Amino acid sequence: MQDKIFWNPDGYIEVVLVGDQTAQRFESMYADFLPLQEKLKKEGKPAYALFDCSKETGFSLSSNKAALEILEKIEYDRIAMYSVPHANVTEGIIMAIGKNETTKLFDTREEALGWLLAK
């Protein structure tokens, strides 16, 4: 199994991270995210994304740096992540870039979707 990104018919972009993450894998996911984001913009819909990190097994300093750079430049309304390994590192990155109001971490998919899709 490998990383995947797709439009979930419930109204958000879904990202599934699998295995050890690298900077190259994050860059590839970002390239796949952009067309979906543009589609939402053109349709006047909010850019919501759900990140499933339950199958992620590791990351490196370079993958963390790539993730930070992508989160800084990506335009979105909300991102919910769940089952994030080393959640405190991820929370630190989110706080450092000032996106802690629009990017949240959760233990379960249900909690993440509850926040992501709340009106």
C-alpha atoms as a PDB file:
ATOM      1  CA  MET A   1       0.000   0.000   0.000  1.00  0.00           C
ATOM      2  CA  GLN A   2       1.193   3.520  -0.710  1.00  0.00           C
ATOM      3  CA  ASP A   3       0.209   7.107   0.006  1.00  0.00           C
ATOM      4  CA  LYS A   4      -2.923   8.304  -1.736  1.00  0.00           C
ATOM      5  CA  ILE A   5      -4.919  11.468  -2.144  1.00  0.00           C
ATOM      6  CA  PHE A   6      -8.447  11.679  -3.496  1.00  0.00           C
ATOM      7  CA  TRP A   7     -11.698  13.605  -3.467  1.00  0.00           C
ATOM      8  CA  ASN A   8     -14.030  12.149  -0.849  1.00  0.00           C
ATOM      9  CA  PRO A   9     -17.660  12.530  -2.009  1.00  0.00           C
ATOM     10  CA  ASP A  10     -18.579  13.718   1.512  1.00  0.00           C
ATOM     11  CA  GLY A  11     -16.990  17.072   0.638  1.00  0.00           C
ATOM     12  CA  TYR A  12     -13.285  17.047   1.407  1.00  0.00           C
ATOM     13  CA  ILE A  13      -9.886  16.014   0.109  1.00  0.00           C
ATOM     14  CA  GLU A  14      -8.636  12.858   1.794  1.00  0.00           C
ATOM     15  CA  VAL A  15      -4.957  12.080   2.238  1.00  0.00           C
ATOM     16  CA  VAL A  16      -3.756   8.672   3.450  1.00  0.00           C
ATOM     17  CA  LEU A  17      -0.117   8.489   4.534  1.00  0.00           C
ATOM     18  CA  VAL A  18       1.421   5.022   4.506  1.00  0.00           C
ATOM     19  CA  GLY A  19       4.842   3.918   5.721  1.00  0.00           C
ATOM     20  CA  ASP A  20       7.919   6.061   6.268  1.00  0.00           C
ATOM     21  CA  GLN A  21       7.453   9.560   4.900  1.00  0.00           C
ATOM     22  CA  THR A  22      10.145  11.378   2.927  1.00  0.00           C
ATOM     23  CA  ALA A  23      10.441  14.881   1.557  1.00  0.00           C
ATOM     24  CA  GLN A  24       9.916  13.499  -1.969  1.00  0.00           C
ATOM     25  CA  ARG A  25       6.694  11.742  -0.934  1.00  0.00           C
ATOM     26  CA  PHE A  26       5.334  14.943   0.623  1.00  0.00           C
ATOM     27  CA  GLU A  27       6.223  16.919  -2.506  1.00  0.00           C
ATOM     28  CA  SER A  28       4.435  14.343  -4.650  1.00  0.00           C
ATOM     29  CA  MET A  29       1.344  14.508  -2.430  1.00  0.00           C
ATOM     30  CA  TYR A  30       1.410  18.316  -2.644  1.00  0.00           C
ATOM     31  CA  ALA A  31       1.505  18.121  -6.458  1.00  0.00           C
ATOM     32  CA  ASP A  32      -1.546  15.831  -6.343  1.00  0.00           C
ATOM     33  CA  PHE A  33      -3.322  18.150  -3.865  1.00  0.00           C
ATOM     34  CA  LEU A  34      -3.083  21.275  -6.027  1.00  0.00           C
ATOM     35  CA  PRO A  35      -5.542  20.250  -8.801  1.00  0.00           C
ATOM     36  CA  LEU A  36      -8.105  19.203  -6.187  1.00  0.00           C
ATOM     37  CA  GLN A  37      -7.646  22.511  -4.379  1.00  0.00           C
ATOM     38  CA  GLU A  38      -8.066  24.452  -7.631  1.00  0.00           C
ATOM     39  CA  LYS A  39     -11.271  22.561  -8.423  1.00  0.00           C
ATOM     40  CA  LEU A  40     -12.711  23.559  -5.039  1.00  0.00           C
ATOM     41  CA  LYS A  41     -11.703  27.194  -5.555  1.00  0.00           C
ATOM     42  CA  LYS A  42     -13.375  27.336  -8.967  1.00  0.00           C
ATOM     43  CA  GLU A  43     -16.552  25.832  -7.513  1.00  0.00           C
ATOM     44  CA  GLY A  44     -16.522  28.290  -4.593  1.00  0.00           C
ATOM     45  CA  LYS A  45     -16.299  25.467  -2.040  1.00  0.00           C
ATOM     46  CA  PRO A  46     -14.167  25.466   1.112  1.00  0.00           C
ATOM     47  CA  ALA A  47     -10.870  23.610   0.962  1.00  0.00           C
ATOM     48  CA  TYR A  48     -11.169  20.952   3.656  1.00  0.00           C
ATOM     49  CA  ALA A  49      -8.751  18.048   3.974  1.00  0.00           C
ATOM     50  CA  LEU A  50      -8.634  14.954   6.159  1.00  0.00           C
ATOM     51  CA  PHE A  51      -5.255  13.329   6.804  1.00  0.00           C
ATOM     52  CA  ASP A  52      -5.271   9.670   7.852  1.00  0.00           C
ATOM     53  CA  CYS A  53      -1.907   9.065   9.523  1.00  0.00           C
ATOM     54  CA  SER A  54      -2.829   5.693  11.039  1.00  0.00           C
ATOM     55  CA  LYS A  55      -0.605   3.796   8.601  1.00  0.00           C
ATOM     56  CA  GLU A  56       2.329   6.209   8.766  1.00  0.00           C
ATOM     57  CA  THR A  57       5.344   4.540  10.359  1.00  0.00           C
ATOM     58  CA  GLY A  58       7.965   7.258  10.432  1.00  0.00           C
ATOM     59  CA  PHE A  59       9.431  10.479   9.193  1.00  0.00           C
ATOM     60  CA  SER A  60      12.772  12.247   9.027  1.00  0.00           C
ATOM     61  CA  LEU A  61      14.102  15.731   9.537  1.00  0.00           C
ATOM     62  CA  SER A  62      13.898  16.351   5.777  1.00  0.00           C
ATOM     63  CA  SER A  63      10.313  15.078   5.578  1.00  0.00           C
ATOM     64  CA  ASN A  64       9.338  17.314   8.518  1.00  0.00           C
ATOM     65  CA  LYS A  65      10.928  20.286   6.772  1.00  0.00           C
ATOM     66  CA  ALA A  66       9.051  19.496   3.548  1.00  0.00           C
ATOM     67  CA  ALA A  67       5.761  19.125   5.447  1.00  0.00           C
ATOM     68  CA  LEU A  68       6.350  22.479   7.155  1.00  0.00           C
ATOM     69  CA  GLU A  69       7.070  24.240   3.863  1.00  0.00           C
ATOM     70  CA  ILE A  70       3.979  22.729   2.238  1.00  0.00           C
ATOM     71  CA  LEU A  71       1.694  23.667   5.141  1.00  0.00           C
ATOM     72  CA  GLU A  72       3.028  27.225   4.946  1.00  0.00           C
ATOM     73  CA  LYS A  73       2.317  27.655   1.235  1.00  0.00           C
ATOM     74  CA  ILE A  74      -0.865  25.635   0.816  1.00  0.00           C
ATOM     75  CA  GLU A  75      -4.192  27.458   0.866  1.00  0.00           C
ATOM     76  CA  TYR A  76      -6.907  25.680   2.820  1.00  0.00           C
ATOM     77  CA  ASP A  77      -9.808  26.377   5.128  1.00  0.00           C
ATOM     78  CA  ARG A  78      -9.402  23.407   7.467  1.00  0.00           C
ATOM     79  CA  ILE A  79      -7.190  20.368   7.810  1.00  0.00           C
ATOM     80  CA  ALA A  80      -7.970  17.617  10.316  1.00  0.00           C
ATOM     81  CA  MET A  81      -5.384  14.920  11.008  1.00  0.00           C
ATOM     82  CA  TYR A  82      -5.882  11.771  13.021  1.00  0.00           C
ATOM     83  CA  SER A  83      -3.695   9.008  14.448  1.00  0.00           C
ATOM     84  CA  VAL A  84      -0.659  11.232  14.015  1.00  0.00           C
ATOM     85  CA  PRO A  85       2.561   9.562  15.223  1.00  0.00           C
ATOM     86  CA  HIS A  86       4.606  11.928  17.382  1.00  0.00           C
ATOM     87  CA  ALA A  87       1.652  14.323  17.548  1.00  0.00           C
ATOM     88  CA  ASN A  88       3.554  16.785  19.724  1.00  0.00           C
ATOM     89  CA  VAL A  89       6.115  17.339  16.931  1.00  0.00           C
ATOM     90  CA  THR A  90       3.317  17.930  14.419  1.00  0.00           C
ATOM     91  CA  GLU A  91       1.501  20.287  16.795  1.00  0.00           C
ATOM     92  CA  GLY A  92       4.732  22.234  17.239  1.00  0.00           C
ATOM     93  CA  ILE A  93       5.083  22.625  13.482  1.00  0.00           C
ATOM     94  CA  ILE A  94       1.466  23.785  13.165  1.00  0.00           C
ATOM     95  CA  MET A  95       1.886  26.322  15.953  1.00  0.00           C
ATOM     96  CA  ALA A  96       5.192  27.576  14.508  1.00  0.00           C
ATOM     97  CA  ILE A  97       3.521  28.498  11.228  1.00  0.00           C
ATOM     98  CA  GLY A  98       0.494  30.032  12.939  1.00  0.00           C
ATOM     99  CA  LYS A  99      -2.135  27.660  11.543  1.00  0.00           C
ATOM    100  CA  ASN A 100      -3.343  26.142  14.817  1.00  0.00           C
ATOM    101  CA  GLU A 101      -6.858  27.558  14.304  1.00  0.00           C
ATOM    102  CA  THR A 102      -7.310  25.860  10.930  1.00  0.00           C
ATOM    103  CA  THR A 103      -5.267  22.695  11.468  1.00  0.00           C
ATOM    104  CA  LYS A 104      -6.171  20.265  14.247  1.00  0.00           C
ATOM    105  CA  LEU A 105      -5.049  16.827  15.413  1.00  0.00           C
ATOM    106  CA  PHE A 106      -7.397  14.116  16.653  1.00  0.00           C
ATOM    107  CA  ASP A 107      -7.184  10.575  17.957  1.00  0.00           C
ATOM    108  CA  THR A 108      -9.917   9.128  15.738  1.00  0.00           C
ATOM    109  CA  ARG A 109     -11.410   9.614  12.287  1.00  0.00           C
ATOM    110  CA  GLU A 110     -14.811  10.332  13.824  1.00  0.00           C
ATOM    111  CA  GLU A 111     -13.430  13.165  15.977  1.00  0.00           C
ATOM    112  CA  ALA A 112     -11.514  14.593  13.029  1.00  0.00           C
ATOM    113  CA  LEU A 113     -14.547  14.560  10.736  1.00  0.00           C
ATOM    114  CA  GLY A 114     -16.741  16.038  13.461  1.00  0.00           C
ATOM    115  CA  TRP A 115     -14.522  19.123  13.615  1.00  0.00           C
ATOM    116  CA  LEU A 116     -13.691  19.257   9.903  1.00  0.00           C
ATOM    117  CA  LEU A 117     -17.288  19.246   8.712  1.00  0.00           C
ATOM    118  CA  ALA A 118     -18.818  21.277  11.561  1.00  0.00           C
ATOM    119  CA  LYS A 119     -20.757  24.281  10.309  1.00  0.00           C
END
